[in-house]
C-alpha atoms as a PDB file:
ATOM      1  CA  MET A   1       0.000   0.000   0.000  1.00  0.00           C
ATOM      2  CA  ARG A   2       1.338   3.454  -0.911  1.00  0.00           C
ATOM      3  CA  PRO A   3       1.836   5.932   2.012  1.00  0.00           C
ATOM      4  CA  ILE A   4      -0.718   8.348   0.541  1.00  0.00           C
ATOM      5  CA  ASP A   5      -3.376   5.612   0.671  1.00  0.00           C
ATOM      6  CA  GLY A   6      -3.039   5.251   4.421  1.00  0.00           C
ATOM      7  CA  LEU A   7      -3.077   8.997   4.918  1.00  0.00           C
ATOM      8  CA  VAL A   8      -6.267   9.440   2.893  1.00  0.00           C
ATOM      9  CA  VAL A   9      -8.019   6.587   4.702  1.00  0.00           C
ATOM     10  CA  GLN A  10      -7.055   7.828   8.159  1.00  0.00           C
ATOM     11  CA  THR A  11      -7.983  11.424   7.406  1.00  0.00           C
ATOM     12  CA  ILE A  12     -11.340  10.682   5.818  1.00  0.00           C
ATOM     13  CA  ASP A  13     -12.280   8.250   8.597  1.00  0.00           C
ATOM     14  CA  ARG A  14     -11.590  10.878  11.281  1.00  0.00           C
ATOM     15  CA  LEU A  15     -13.471  13.510   9.305  1.00  0.00           C
ATOM     16  CA  LEU A  16     -16.562  11.356   8.799  1.00  0.00           C
ATOM     17  CA  ALA A  17     -16.572  10.129  12.392  1.00  0.00           C
ATOM     18  CA  ASP A  18     -16.832  13.754  13.486  1.00  0.00           C
ATOM     19  CA  CYS A  19     -19.610  14.880  11.127  1.00  0.00           C
ATOM     20  CA  CYS A  20     -21.697  11.725  10.507  1.00  0.00           C
ATOM     21  CA  SER A  21     -23.732  11.876  13.696  1.00  0.00           C
ATOM     22  CA  PRO A  22     -27.064   9.994  13.755  1.00  0.00           C
ATOM     23  CA  GLU A  23     -28.835  13.375  13.833  1.00  0.00           C
ATOM     24  CA  ALA A  24     -26.965  14.613  10.743  1.00  0.00           C
ATOM     25  CA  LEU A  25     -27.667  11.413   8.800  1.00  0.00           C
ATOM     26  CA  GLU A  26     -31.329  11.476   9.799  1.00  0.00           C
ATOM     27  CA  ARG A  27     -31.659  15.104   8.726  1.00  0.00           C
ATOM     28  CA  ALA A  28     -30.019  14.236   5.402  1.00  0.00           C
ATOM     29  CA  GLU A  29     -32.999  12.073   4.484  1.00  0.00           C
ATOM     30  CA  VAL A  30     -35.261  15.096   4.806  1.00  0.00           C
ATOM     31  CA  GLU A  31     -32.936  17.465   2.970  1.00  0.00           C
ATOM     32  CA  GLY A  32     -31.802  14.959   0.314  1.00  0.00           C
ATOM     33  CA  TRP A  33     -28.116  15.238   1.159  1.00  0.00           C
ATOM     34  CA  CYS A  34     -25.800  15.552   4.167  1.00  0.00           C
ATOM     35  CA  ALA A  35     -24.588  19.156   4.078  1.00  0.00           C
ATOM     36  CA  PRO A  36     -22.197  18.836   7.086  1.00  0.00           C
ATOM     37  CA  VAL A  37     -20.351  16.002   5.343  1.00  0.00           C
ATOM     38  CA  TRP A  38     -20.025  17.928   2.092  1.00  0.00           C
ATOM     39  CA  ASP A  39     -18.834  21.052   3.898  1.00  0.00           C
ATOM     40  CA  SER A  40     -16.207  19.038   5.789  1.00  0.00           C
ATOM     41  CA  LEU A  41     -15.026  17.350   2.586  1.00  0.00           C
ATOM     42  CA  ALA A  42     -14.763  20.707   0.830  1.00  0.00           C
ATOM     43  CA  THR A  43     -12.860  22.315   3.708  1.00  0.00           C
ATOM     44  CA  ALA A  44     -10.363  19.437   3.726  1.00  0.00           C
ATOM     45  CA  GLY A  45      -9.932  19.589  -0.062  1.00  0.00           C
ATOM     46  CA  PHE A  46     -11.403  16.144  -0.739  1.00  0.00           C
ATOM     47  CA  THR A  47     -14.241  17.064  -3.113  1.00  0.00           C
ATOM     48  CA  HIS A  48     -11.973  17.399  -6.173  1.00  0.00           C
ATOM     49  CA  ILE A  49      -9.486  14.648  -5.341  1.00  0.00           C
ATOM     50  CA  SER A  50      -8.100  12.650  -8.316  1.00  0.00           C
ATOM     51  CA  LEU A  51      -8.748  15.623 -10.651  1.00  0.00           C
ATOM     52  CA  PRO A  52      -5.661  17.344 -12.134  1.00  0.00           C
ATOM     53  CA  GLU A  53      -4.518  20.521 -10.442  1.00  0.00           C
ATOM     54  CA  GLU A  54      -4.184  22.347 -13.777  1.00  0.00           C
ATOM     55  CA  SER A  55      -7.953  21.944 -14.231  1.00  0.00           C
ATOM     56  CA  GLY A  56      -8.757  23.200 -10.740  1.00  0.00           C
ATOM     57  CA  GLY A  57      -8.666  19.826  -9.000  1.00  0.00           C
ATOM     58  CA  SER A  58      -6.802  18.673  -5.906  1.00  0.00           C
ATOM     59  CA  GLY A  59      -4.584  16.107  -7.598  1.00  0.00           C
ATOM     60  CA  GLY A  60      -4.240  12.573  -6.302  1.00  0.00           C
ATOM     61  CA  SER A  61      -5.041   9.243  -7.905  1.00  0.00           C
ATOM     62  CA  LEU A  62      -8.113   7.211  -8.752  1.00  0.00           C
ATOM     63  CA  ARG A  63      -7.321   5.003  -5.768  1.00  0.00           C
ATOM     64  CA  ASP A  64      -7.447   8.035  -3.480  1.00  0.00           C
ATOM     65  CA  ALA A  65     -10.945   8.830  -4.739  1.00  0.00           C
ATOM     66  CA  ALA A  66     -11.860   5.167  -4.289  1.00  0.00           C
ATOM     67  CA  ASP A  67     -10.775   5.325  -0.641  1.00  0.00           C
ATOM     68  CA  VAL A  68     -13.038   8.327  -0.070  1.00  0.00           C
ATOM     69  CA  LEU A  69     -15.977   6.609  -1.763  1.00  0.00           C
ATOM     70  CA  LYS A  70     -15.616   3.452   0.334  1.00  0.00           C
ATOM     71  CA  ALA A  71     -15.467   5.557   3.490  1.00  0.00           C
ATOM     72  CA  LEU A  72     -18.618   7.441   2.479  1.00  0.00           C
ATOM     73  CA  GLY A  73     -20.303   4.109   1.810  1.00  0.00           C
ATOM     74  CA  ARG A  74     -19.469   2.896   5.318  1.00  0.00           C
ATOM     75  CA  TYR A  75     -21.537   5.762   6.715  1.00  0.00           C
ATOM     76  CA  ALA A  76     -24.102   5.783   3.887  1.00  0.00           C
ATOM     77  CA  ALA A  77     -23.362   9.515   3.719  1.00  0.00           C
ATOM     78  CA  SER A  78     -25.456  11.257   1.064  1.00  0.00           C
ATOM     79  CA  VAL A  79     -23.159  13.627  -0.833  1.00  0.00           C
ATOM     80  CA  PRO A  80     -22.335  14.045  -4.555  1.00  0.00           C
ATOM     81  CA  PHE A  81     -18.669  13.122  -4.203  1.00  0.00           C
ATOM     82  CA  ALA A  82     -18.763  10.471  -6.946  1.00  0.00           C
ATOM     83  CA  GLU A  83     -20.498  12.861  -9.334  1.00  0.00           C
ATOM     84  CA  THR A  84     -18.046  15.674  -8.547  1.00  0.00           C
ATOM     85  CA  ALA A  85     -14.710  13.825  -8.546  1.00  0.00           C
ATOM     86  CA  LEU A  86     -15.152  10.588 -10.462  1.00  0.00           C
ATOM     87  CA  LEU A  87     -17.771  11.500 -13.085  1.00  0.00           C
ATOM     88  CA  GLY A  88     -18.668  15.115 -13.835  1.00  0.00           C
ATOM     89  CA  GLY A  89     -15.294  16.501 -12.798  1.00  0.00           C
ATOM     90  CA  TRP A  90     -13.535  13.810 -14.854  1.00  0.00           C
ATOM     91  CA  LEU A  91     -15.541  14.770 -17.951  1.00  0.00           C
ATOM     92  CA  LEU A  92     -14.795  18.473 -17.502  1.00  0.00           C
ATOM     93  CA  ALA A  93     -11.083  17.897 -16.921  1.00  0.00           C
ATOM     94  CA  ARG A  94     -10.774  15.632 -19.958  1.00  0.00           C
ATOM     95  CA  ALA A  95     -12.621  18.193 -22.104  1.00  0.00           C
ATOM     96  CA  GLY A  96     -10.444  21.057 -20.901  1.00  0.00           C
ATOM     97  CA  LEU A  97     -13.300  22.913 -19.201  1.00  0.00           C
ATOM     98  CA  THR A  98     -12.851  24.750 -15.907  1.00  0.00           C
ATOM     99  CA  LEU A  99     -14.004  22.912 -12.784  1.00  0.00           C
ATOM    100  CA  PRO A 100     -16.552  24.712 -10.591  1.00  0.00           C
ATOM    101  CA  ASN A 101     -15.632  25.035  -6.921  1.00  0.00           C
ATOM    102  CA  GLY A 102     -18.895  23.586  -5.632  1.00  0.00           C
ATOM    103  CA  PRO A 103     -20.688  20.260  -6.076  1.00  0.00           C
ATOM    104  CA  ILE A 104     -21.032  18.886  -9.603  1.00  0.00           C
ATOM    105  CA  THR A 105     -23.499  16.347 -10.921  1.00  0.00           C
ATOM    106  CA  VAL A 106     -23.660  14.422 -14.174  1.00  0.00           C
ATOM    107  CA  VAL A 107     -26.456  13.295 -16.502  1.00  0.00           C
ATOM    108  CA  PRO A 108     -26.294   9.464 -16.586  1.00  0.00           C
ATOM    109  CA  GLU A 109     -27.421   9.156 -20.218  1.00  0.00           C
ATOM    110  CA  LEU A 110     -26.720  10.810 -23.569  1.00  0.00           C
ATOM    111  CA  LEU A 111     -28.720  13.974 -24.277  1.00  0.00           C
ATOM    112  CA  ARG A 112     -29.756  14.854 -27.826  1.00  0.00           C
ATOM    113  CA  MET A 113     -30.017  18.002 -29.881  1.00  0.00           C
ATOM    114  CA  GLN A 114     -33.403  19.060 -31.265  1.00  0.00           C
ATOM    115  CA  THR A 115     -32.662  21.669 -33.920  1.00  0.00           C
ATOM    116  CA  ASP A 116     -30.255  23.921 -32.019  1.00  0.00           C
ATOM    117  CA  ARG A 117     -31.411  23.070 -28.491  1.00  0.00           C
ATOM    118  CA  ILE A 118     -30.255  20.575 -25.866  1.00  0.00           C
ATOM    119  CA  ALA A 119     -33.314  18.482 -25.046  1.00  0.00           C
ATOM    120  CA  GLY A 120     -34.156  15.553 -22.834  1.00  0.00           C
ATOM    121  CA  ARG A 121     -35.713  14.452 -19.584  1.00  0.00           C
ATOM    122  CA  THR A 122     -33.993  12.136 -17.136  1.00  0.00           C
ATOM    123  CA  ARG A 123     -33.255  11.469 -13.482  1.00  0.00           C
ATOM    124  CA  VAL A 124     -30.154  13.207 -12.136  1.00  0.00           C
ATOM    125  CA  ALA A 125     -28.559  12.840  -8.718  1.00  0.00           C
ATOM    126  CA  TRP A 126     -28.447  15.989  -6.567  1.00  0.00           C
ATOM    127  CA  ALA A 127     -29.345  18.287  -9.478  1.00  0.00           C
ATOM    128  CA  ALA A 128     -30.901  20.954  -7.251  1.00  0.00           C
ATOM    129  CA  ARG A 129     -27.834  21.054  -4.993  1.00  0.00           C
ATOM    130  CA  ALA A 130     -25.200  21.109  -7.726  1.00  0.00           C
ATOM    131  CA  GLN A 131     -23.375  24.191  -8.861  1.00  0.00           C
ATOM    132  CA  ALA A 132     -23.111  22.694 -12.347  1.00  0.00           C
ATOM    133  CA  ILE A 133     -24.645  19.845 -14.360  1.00  0.00           C
ATOM    134  CA  VAL A 134     -22.318  18.034 -16.770  1.00  0.00           C
ATOM    135  CA  ALA A 135     -23.725  16.130 -19.734  1.00  0.00           C
ATOM    136  CA  LEU A 136     -22.612  14.306 -22.838  1.00  0.00           C
ATOM    137  CA  VAL A 137     -24.657  15.683 -25.741  1.00  0.00           C
ATOM    138  CA  GLY A 138     -24.960  14.137 -29.185  1.00  0.00           C
ATOM    139  CA  THR A 139     -24.759  16.774 -31.936  1.00  0.00           C
ATOM    140  CA  PRO A 140     -24.628  16.531 -35.771  1.00  0.00           C
ATOM    141  CA  ASP A 141     -20.921  17.352 -35.552  1.00  0.00           C
ATOM    142  CA  GLY A 142     -20.203  14.719 -32.918  1.00  0.00           C
ATOM    143  CA  PRO A 143     -20.653  14.383 -29.146  1.00  0.00           C
ATOM    144  CA  ILE A 144     -19.697  17.209 -26.823  1.00  0.00           C
ATOM    145  CA  VAL A 145     -19.228  17.732 -23.101  1.00  0.00           C
ATOM    146  CA  ALA A 146     -21.612  20.465 -21.904  1.00  0.00           C
ATOM    147  CA  LEU A 147     -21.458  22.420 -18.648  1.00  0.00           C
ATOM    148  CA  ILE A 148     -25.022  23.437 -17.760  1.00  0.00           C
ATOM    149  CA  ASP A 149     -26.245  25.882 -15.140  1.00  0.00           C
ATOM    150  CA  PRO A 150     -28.959  24.209 -12.986  1.00  0.00           C
ATOM    151  CA  SER A 151     -30.978  27.445 -13.145  1.00  0.00           C
ATOM    152  CA  ASP A 152     -31.417  26.876 -16.908  1.00  0.00           C
ATOM    153  CA  VAL A 153     -33.260  23.560 -16.522  1.00  0.00           C
ATOM    154  CA  HIS A 154     -36.519  22.388 -14.933  1.00  0.00           C
ATOM    155  CA  ILE A 155     -35.965  20.288 -11.805  1.00  0.00           C
ATOM    156  CA  GLU A 156     -38.690  18.177 -10.179  1.00  0.00           C
ATOM    157  CA  PRO A 157     -38.049  16.884  -6.635  1.00  0.00           C
ATOM    158  CA  GLY A 158     -37.433  13.187  -6.076  1.00  0.00           C
ATOM    159  CA  SER A 159     -35.395  10.734  -4.033  1.00  0.00           C
ATOM    160  CA  ASN A 160     -34.289   7.114  -4.025  1.00  0.00           C
ATOM    161  CA  LEU A 161     -35.003   4.442  -1.410  1.00  0.00           C
ATOM    162  CA  ALA A 162     -32.135   5.713   0.737  1.00  0.00           C
ATOM    163  CA  GLY A 163     -33.523   9.257   0.829  1.00  0.00           C
ATOM    164  CA  GLU A 164     -30.831  10.682  -1.474  1.00  0.00           C
ATOM    165  CA  ALA A 165     -31.888  13.420  -3.889  1.00  0.00           C
ATOM    166  CA  ARG A 166     -32.657  11.974  -7.316  1.00  0.00           C
ATOM    167  CA  GLU A 167     -34.519  14.736  -9.159  1.00  0.00           C
ATOM    168  CA  THR A 168     -36.121  14.521 -12.581  1.00  0.00           C
ATOM    169  CA  VAL A 169     -34.531  17.153 -14.822  1.00  0.00           C
ATOM    170  CA  GLY A 170     -36.040  18.539 -18.020  1.00  0.00           C
ATOM    171  CA  PHE A 171     -33.567  20.006 -20.521  1.00  0.00           C
ATOM    172  CA  ASP A 172     -34.721  22.502 -23.158  1.00  0.00           C
ATOM    173  CA  MET A 173     -32.102  25.159 -23.785  1.00  0.00           C
ATOM    174  CA  PRO A 174     -29.959  26.501 -26.629  1.00  0.00           C
ATOM    175  CA  LEU A 175     -26.500  24.998 -27.005  1.00  0.00           C
ATOM    176  CA  THR A 176     -25.075  28.504 -26.801  1.00  0.00           C
ATOM    177  CA  GLY A 177     -26.392  28.705 -23.235  1.00  0.00           C
ATOM    178  CA  ALA A 178     -23.870  26.128 -22.008  1.00  0.00           C
ATOM    179  CA  ALA A 179     -20.090  26.051 -22.035  1.00  0.00           C
ATOM    180  CA  HIS A 180     -19.073  23.063 -24.133  1.00  0.00           C
ATOM    181  CA  SER A 181     -16.170  21.273 -25.748  1.00  0.00           C
ATOM    182  CA  PRO A 182     -15.757  18.317 -28.130  1.00  0.00           C
ATOM    183  CA  VAL A 183     -15.479  14.933 -26.449  1.00  0.00           C
ATOM    184  CA  PRO A 184     -11.785  13.922 -26.238  1.00  0.00           C
ATOM    185  CA  ALA A 185     -10.463  10.529 -27.296  1.00  0.00           C
ATOM    186  CA  GLY A 186     -11.270   7.762 -24.833  1.00  0.00           C
ATOM    187  CA  VAL A 187     -14.409   9.481 -23.506  1.00  0.00           C
ATOM    188  CA  ASP A 188     -17.861   8.256 -24.480  1.00  0.00           C
ATOM    189  CA  MET A 189     -21.130   7.171 -22.893  1.00  0.00           C
ATOM    190  CA  GLU A 190     -19.810   3.652 -22.299  1.00  0.00           C
ATOM    191  CA  SER A 191     -16.762   4.882 -20.381  1.00  0.00           C
ATOM    192  CA  LEU A 192     -18.963   7.204 -18.304  1.00  0.00           C
ATOM    193  CA  GLN A 193     -21.328   4.322 -17.519  1.00  0.00           C
ATOM    194  CA  ARG A 194     -18.411   2.158 -16.399  1.00  0.00           C
ATOM    195  CA  ARG A 195     -17.058   4.871 -14.102  1.00  0.00           C
ATOM    196  CA  GLY A 196     -20.565   5.441 -12.735  1.00  0.00           C
ATOM    197  CA  ALA A 197     -20.981   1.723 -12.086  1.00  0.00           C
ATOM    198  CA  LEU A 198     -17.596   1.614 -10.361  1.00  0.00           C
ATOM    199  CA  SER A 199     -18.578   4.526  -8.122  1.00  0.00           C
ATOM    200  CA  ARG A 200     -21.623   2.575  -6.926  1.00  0.00           C
ATOM    201  CA  VAL A 201     -19.561  -0.580  -6.445  1.00  0.00           C
ATOM    202  CA  LEU A 202     -17.135   1.330  -4.214  1.00  0.00           C
ATOM    203  CA  LEU A 203     -19.940   2.877  -2.164  1.00  0.00           C
ATOM    204  CA  MET A 204     -21.544  -0.544  -1.785  1.00  0.00           C
ATOM    205  CA  ALA A 205     -18.231  -2.120  -0.756  1.00  0.00           C
ATOM    206  CA  GLY A 206     -17.958   0.381   2.092  1.00  0.00           C
ATOM    207  CA  ALA A 207     -21.576  -0.160   3.122  1.00  0.00           C
ATOM    208  CA  ALA A 208     -21.156  -3.952   3.074  1.00  0.00           C
ATOM    209  CA  GLU A 209     -18.086  -3.704   5.308  1.00  0.00           C
ATOM    210  CA  ALA A 210     -19.978  -1.503   7.765  1.00  0.00           C
ATOM    211  CA  MET A 211     -22.944  -3.885   7.700  1.00  0.00           C
ATOM    212  CA  SER A 212     -20.678  -6.830   8.522  1.00  0.00           C
ATOM    213  CA  ASP A 213     -19.014  -4.970  11.409  1.00  0.00           C
ATOM    214  CA  LEU A 214     -22.384  -3.820  12.756  1.00  0.00           C
ATOM    215  CA  THR A 215     -23.803  -7.350  12.634  1.00  0.00           C
ATOM    216  CA  VAL A 216     -20.777  -8.828  14.425  1.00  0.00           C
ATOM    217  CA  ARG A 217     -21.004  -6.211  17.201  1.00  0.00           C
ATOM    218  CA  TYR A 218     -24.730  -6.696  17.697  1.00  0.00           C
ATOM    219  CA  THR A 219     -24.603 -10.492  17.849  1.00  0.00           C
ATOM    220  CA  HIS A 220     -21.835 -10.360  20.454  1.00  0.00           C
ATOM    221  CA  GLN A 221     -23.707  -7.812  22.575  1.00  0.00           C
ATOM    222  CA  ARG A 222     -27.149  -9.466  22.352  1.00  0.00           C
ATOM    223  CA  HIS A 223     -27.520 -12.319  24.850  1.00  0.00           C
ATOM    224  CA  GLN A 224     -29.980 -15.170  24.846  1.00  0.00           C
ATOM    225  CA  PHE A 225     -30.044 -18.158  27.219  1.00  0.00           C
ATOM    226  CA  GLY A 226     -27.097 -16.696  29.100  1.00  0.00           C
ATOM    227  CA  GLN A 227     -24.691 -16.309  26.163  1.00  0.00           C
ATOM    228  CA  PRO A 228     -24.113 -14.043  23.131  1.00  0.00           C
ATOM    229  CA  ILE A 229     -26.280 -15.058  20.199  1.00  0.00           C
ATOM    230  CA  ALA A 230     -23.096 -15.063  18.074  1.00  0.00           C
ATOM    231  CA  ARG A 231     -22.324 -18.459  19.642  1.00  0.00           C
ATOM    232  CA  PHE A 232     -25.390 -20.067  18.073  1.00  0.00           C
ATOM    233  CA  GLN A 233     -24.619 -21.945  14.891  1.00  0.00           C
ATOM    234  CA  ALA A 234     -27.538 -20.515  12.948  1.00  0.00           C
ATOM    235  CA  VAL A 235     -26.426 -16.966  13.740  1.00  0.00           C
ATOM    236  CA  GLN A 236     -22.820 -17.814  12.920  1.00  0.00           C
ATOM    237  CA  GLN A 237     -23.927 -18.865   9.453  1.00  0.00           C
ATOM    238  CA  HIS A 238     -25.437 -15.420   8.931  1.00  0.00           C
ATOM    239  CA  LEU A 239     -22.232 -13.773  10.194  1.00  0.00           C
ATOM    240  CA  VAL A 240     -20.144 -15.798   7.752  1.00  0.00           C
ATOM    241  CA  THR A 241     -22.450 -14.898   4.882  1.00  0.00           C
ATOM    242  CA  VAL A 242     -22.286 -11.159   5.587  1.00  0.00           C
ATOM    243  CA  ALA A 243     -18.500 -11.266   6.043  1.00  0.00           C
ATOM    244  CA  GLN A 244     -18.049 -13.241   2.822  1.00  0.00           C
ATOM    245  CA  CYS A 245     -20.178 -10.741   0.918  1.00  0.00           C
ATOM    246  CA  ALA A 246     -18.205  -7.778   2.252  1.00  0.00           C
ATOM    247  CA  ALA A 247     -14.837  -9.377   1.484  1.00  0.00           C
ATOM    248  CA  GLN A 248     -15.859 -10.511  -1.979  1.00  0.00           C
ATOM    249  CA  LEU A 249     -17.146  -7.088  -2.970  1.00  0.00           C
ATOM    250  CA  SER A 250     -14.140  -5.283  -1.503  1.00  0.00           C
ATOM    251  CA  VAL A 251     -11.756  -7.418  -3.563  1.00  0.00           C
ATOM    252  CA  ALA A 252     -13.834  -6.955  -6.720  1.00  0.00           C
ATOM    253  CA  ALA A 253     -13.924  -3.182  -6.194  1.00  0.00           C
ATOM    254  CA  ASP A 254     -10.154  -2.954  -5.645  1.00  0.00           C
ATOM    255  CA  LEU A 255      -9.430  -5.045  -8.743  1.00  0.00           C
ATOM    256  CA  ALA A 256     -11.761  -2.866 -10.822  1.00  0.00           C
ATOM    257  CA  VAL A 257     -10.020   0.315  -9.644  1.00  0.00           C
ATOM    258  CA  ARG A 258      -6.601  -1.087 -10.529  1.00  0.00           C
ATOM    259  CA  ALA A 259      -7.863  -2.231 -13.920  1.00  0.00           C
ATOM    260  CA  LEU A 260      -9.338   1.200 -14.686  1.00  0.00           C
ATOM    261  CA  GLU A 261      -5.982   2.792 -13.923  1.00  0.00           C
ATOM    262  CA  ARG A 262      -4.524   0.621 -16.697  1.00  0.00           C
ATOM    263  CA  GLY A 263      -7.295   0.751 -19.295  1.00  0.00           C
ATOM    264  CA  PRO A 264     -11.045   0.492 -19.961  1.00  0.00           C
ATOM    265  CA  ALA A 265     -11.600  -2.249 -17.303  1.00  0.00           C
ATOM    266  CA  GLU A 266     -14.693  -3.522 -19.110  1.00  0.00           C
ATOM    267  CA  LEU A 267     -14.492  -7.039 -17.666  1.00  0.00           C
ATOM    268  CA  GLU A 268     -13.538  -6.039 -14.126  1.00  0.00           C
ATOM    269  CA  ILE A 269     -16.191  -3.348 -13.698  1.00  0.00           C
ATOM    270  CA  ALA A 270     -18.942  -5.507 -15.188  1.00  0.00           C
ATOM    271  CA  ALA A 271     -18.000  -8.395 -12.884  1.00  0.00           C
ATOM    272  CA  ALA A 272     -17.827  -6.093  -9.850  1.00  0.00           C
ATOM    273  CA  LYS A 273     -21.282  -4.651 -10.590  1.00  0.00           C
ATOM    274  CA  VAL A 274     -22.787  -8.146 -10.856  1.00  0.00           C
ATOM    275  CA  ILE A 275     -21.145  -9.128  -7.569  1.00  0.00           C
ATOM    276  CA  ALA A 276     -22.399  -5.917  -5.930  1.00  0.00           C
ATOM    277  CA  ASP A 277     -25.975  -6.720  -6.913  1.00  0.00           C
ATOM    278  CA  GLU A 278     -25.705 -10.199  -5.401  1.00  0.00           C
ATOM    279  CA  VAL A 279     -24.160  -8.798  -2.221  1.00  0.00           C
ATOM    280  CA  ALA A 280     -27.010  -6.318  -1.817  1.00  0.00           C
ATOM    281  CA  VAL A 281     -29.526  -9.161  -1.874  1.00  0.00           C
ATOM    282  CA  VAL A 282     -27.705 -11.917   0.027  1.00  0.00           C
ATOM    283  CA  GLY A 283     -25.763  -9.731   2.457  1.00  0.00           C
ATOM    284  CA  THR A 284     -28.655  -7.589   3.623  1.00  0.00           C
ATOM    285  CA  ARG A 285     -30.865 -10.658   4.019  1.00  0.00           C
ATOM    286  CA  ALA A 286     -28.302 -12.353   6.281  1.00  0.00           C
ATOM    287  CA  ALA A 287     -27.644  -9.176   8.281  1.00  0.00           C
ATOM    288  CA  HIS A 288     -31.332  -8.607   8.961  1.00  0.00           C
ATOM    289  CA  GLN A 289     -31.813 -12.267   9.865  1.00  0.00           C
ATOM    290  CA  ALA A 290     -29.044 -11.982  12.453  1.00  0.00           C
ATOM    291  CA  HIS A 291     -30.512  -8.770  13.885  1.00  0.00           C
ATOM    292  CA  GLY A 292     -34.121  -9.923  13.960  1.00  0.00           C
ATOM    293  CA  ALA A 293     -36.660  -7.201  14.701  1.00  0.00           C
ATOM    294  CA  MET A 294     -33.947  -4.787  15.873  1.00  0.00           C
ATOM    295  CA  GLY A 295     -32.747  -4.398  12.288  1.00  0.00           C
ATOM    296  CA  MET A 296     -36.112  -2.973  11.230  1.00  0.00           C
ATOM    297  CA  THR A 297     -36.257  -0.133  13.758  1.00  0.00           C
ATOM    298  CA  ARG A 298     -35.684   3.455  12.663  1.00  0.00           C
ATOM    299  CA  GLU A 299     -33.376   4.212  15.583  1.00  0.00           C
ATOM    300  CA  TYR A 300     -30.926   1.425  14.719  1.00  0.00           C
ATOM    301  CA  PRO A 301     -28.490   2.190  11.840  1.00  0.00           C
ATOM    302  CA  LEU A 302     -28.782  -1.096   9.911  1.00  0.00           C
ATOM    303  CA  HIS A 303     -31.693   0.145   7.792  1.00  0.00           C
ATOM    304  CA  ARG A 304     -29.604   3.050   6.558  1.00  0.00           C
ATOM    305  CA  LEU A 305     -26.982   0.697   5.131  1.00  0.00           C
ATOM    306  CA  SER A 306     -29.414  -1.814   3.678  1.00  0.00           C
ATOM    307  CA  ARG A 307     -31.545   0.861   1.980  1.00  0.00           C
ATOM    308  CA  ALA A 308     -28.420   2.452   0.524  1.00  0.00           C
ATOM    309  CA  LEU A 309     -27.249  -0.896  -0.848  1.00  0.00           C
ATOM    310  CA  TRP A 310     -30.601  -1.572  -2.473  1.00  0.00           C
ATOM    311  CA  SER A 311     -30.656   1.917  -3.988  1.00  0.00           C
ATOM    312  CA  TRP A 312     -27.122   1.882  -5.393  1.00  0.00           C
ATOM    313  CA  ARG A 313     -27.425  -1.623  -6.890  1.00  0.00           C
ATOM    314  CA  HIS A 314     -29.774  -0.322  -9.595  1.00  0.00           C
ATOM    315  CA  GLU A 315     -27.881   2.853 -10.491  1.00  0.00           C
ATOM    316  CA  TYR A 316     -25.724   2.842 -13.636  1.00  0.00           C
ATOM    317  CA  GLY A 317     -27.155  -0.399 -14.910  1.00  0.00           C
ATOM    318  CA  HIS A 318     -28.967  -3.428 -13.538  1.00  0.00           C
ATOM    319  CA  ALA A 319     -27.164  -6.696 -12.913  1.00  0.00           C
ATOM    320  CA  ARG A 320     -28.851  -8.249 -15.942  1.00  0.00           C
ATOM    321  CA  SER A 321     -27.335  -5.730 -18.361  1.00  0.00           C
ATOM    322  CA  TRP A 322     -23.878  -6.099 -16.800  1.00  0.00           C
ATOM    323  CA  SER A 323     -24.206  -9.893 -16.889  1.00  0.00           C
ATOM    324  CA  ARG A 324     -25.004  -9.617 -20.590  1.00  0.00           C
ATOM    325  CA  GLN A 325     -21.861  -7.535 -21.095  1.00  0.00           C
ATOM    326  CA  LEU A 326     -19.809 -10.188 -19.303  1.00  0.00           C
ATOM    327  CA  GLY A 327     -21.250 -12.812 -21.642  1.00  0.00           C
ATOM    328  CA  GLU A 328     -20.463 -10.716 -24.700  1.00  0.00           C
ATOM    329  CA  ILE A 329     -16.866 -10.224 -23.532  1.00  0.00           C
ATOM    330  CA  ALA A 330     -16.485 -13.972 -22.970  1.00  0.00           C
ATOM    331  CA  VAL A 331     -17.956 -14.827 -26.382  1.00  0.00           C
ATOM    332  CA  ALA A 332     -15.688 -12.281 -28.078  1.00  0.00           C
ATOM    333  CA  ALA A 333     -12.640 -13.847 -26.399  1.00  0.00           C
ATOM    334  CA  GLY A 334     -13.459 -17.213 -27.944  1.00  0.00           C
ATOM    335  CA  ALA A 335     -12.716 -20.698 -26.671  1.00  0.00           C
ATOM    336  CA  ASP A 336      -8.943 -20.221 -26.685  1.00  0.00           C
ATOM    337  CA  GLY A 337      -9.152 -16.826 -24.993  1.00  0.00           C
ATOM    338  CA  LEU A 338     -11.545 -17.702 -22.176  1.00  0.00           C
ATOM    339  CA  PHE A 339      -8.968 -19.064 -19.729  1.00  0.00           C
ATOM    340  CA  PRO A 340      -6.587 -16.088 -20.141  1.00  0.00           C
ATOM    341  CA  LEU A 341      -9.593 -13.749 -19.812  1.00  0.00           C
ATOM    342  CA  VAL A 342     -10.690 -15.251 -16.508  1.00  0.00           C
ATOM    343  CA  THR A 343      -7.231 -15.634 -15.005  1.00  0.00           C
ATOM    344  CA  GLY A 344      -5.733 -12.426 -16.377  1.00  0.00           C
ATOM    345  CA  SER A 345      -2.748 -14.348 -17.691  1.00  0.00           C
END
């Protein structure tokens, strides 16, 4: 592990421990995001990590951003860090456009031109709280990266299962009303979808780790028949399942990050997203079984993690579409290429 990795992890963990109080996280579900967390991230210079300094970013690597995302997932903290650093900020930096100082969000699908106007209607994360909306727009002259002012679009309130802001945004504005630049080589809708999927995988990996830790603590504290329920074989099976899910997803997320640093990471990200979907189903089921009725109460934090996992699993593609991509990659490799594809040899 590089020294900077440990520094980022330690710093972000201390920061989140200070600002992710139960009251702040509960209030975030009403407001659609956790403002104290975002403010703390911005003050510490984390919001633009992994983005080049010459574009207005904070520098750092993709792995540094991944560490922050996993930490945010452990607290199920609702902030647009992925959209600002990993997605929208990445698009702006690659296109040579100036990064805004505040939160950024990104349109998760390709917008189209109707005559000379950007048009479309889609769900966008934290649109009302963003300082800028970044979109890939298909034009007759080729795709462009557009930087859109949220005041120029129509935003309808909405949220996901976890209480995070997911507004419906209507676009109907002239292209001249947005700063824009041609899409650079290596940037397209597929690469944006992969980075978006990876961001959700990383958040889910953090949430799964927190869910496993929470379940272990509870089953050792809860006593029945004069001993911790963690000693009962049936409960131990649930503990093993949750721990296996967390470990499996963490490894898949780390491998996907390393692969993306080297290239497109089509196989690794698709596999990680499929694993994340399975973990959301199997892991949360086992955790709630181990907790019993306690896991369903509003005051206990398990529901916050499980609802976040079930929300993030469907963002940037369902497991079925990513499974299909895995199949297409395997078929394209052919019989002789399947073993090297799976083993990475």
